[in-house]
Amino acid sequence: TARPNCGITTEMKRMKETGKTPDGMPLRYNQVILIPTQDKQVIQIAWKDSNVMLFLSTMHSGAPRERTLKKRKLPAKRGTRAEAQQLQQIFNSDSSFRMIPIPTIAAQYNDEMNHVDRSDQTRSYTTYEHRFRHSPWQALLWNFLLEVALANSFILQKKTRHPRWKPYGTLQAWKECIYNAIFNRYATKSHERKRGRTGKEEDIEGCRQGHPQPFKRKKEQGGYLQPISGNKRRVQTRYGCKK
């Protein structure tokens, strides 16, 4: 979908605001108006539902042949008297629903909408407490892309018709399968990588286990600020205090 401030033409903005065609005629229910961009690469589509919906597309032409039958409900907003009479003609008086050939772009939008919200909800099922202290934007971006890849692969393995394994029902079980497979595959090559240091005394190279690392004193001159008070405790007085 498109908003009036996304760079569409003035005619589309006016149709969205007034509900009328560029000729000044009111838009009929399920009517489609097409206006291509100047470079002819993008088609701008205005579709009259209960309100005027705007679309931008590079793959849909909006032509009359691009229609999809969908079960539509009688709009609660009837508009003018002429629009109410038109809706009564389209929808039978004994039923509030009817199969109507709406534009394919609108049908696909209704079917595929809210996928971003569903993706956020799916990723929120399995979170871990881990604070990024170095290069925060890079770590956050890497973590986001990893979570998206795991969630998408989880959905794909559920929709595969002939998988080589029993589909996993939860994202947590799928993640456990992934990292177990990674550990089993690359555990034998762990000696090729540099050993990680956790900060514990036994992990510090050059120090005996159980003994702290020698403390290195800072330089007294040059490059370091000296404490003003010398870390001495001030003498407490009663000056200014009422007796």
Foldseek 3Di string as FASTA:
>chain_A
DDDPPPPDDPQVVCCQVPCAHPVRHHDAALDKDWDADPVNQKIWIWGHHVGIDIDIDRPDPQDPVQWDWDKDFQDPNQPDPVSVVRSCVVDPPVDRIDTDTHGNVVVVCVVPPPPVVVLVVQLVVDDDDDDDDPPVVVVVVVVVVVSSVLSVVLVVQVPDPDDPDDRDDHSVVSVVVVVVVVCVVCVVVPVVDDDDAPPDQVRDPPHDPPDDDDDDDDDPDDDDDDDPVNPDDDDDDCPPPDD
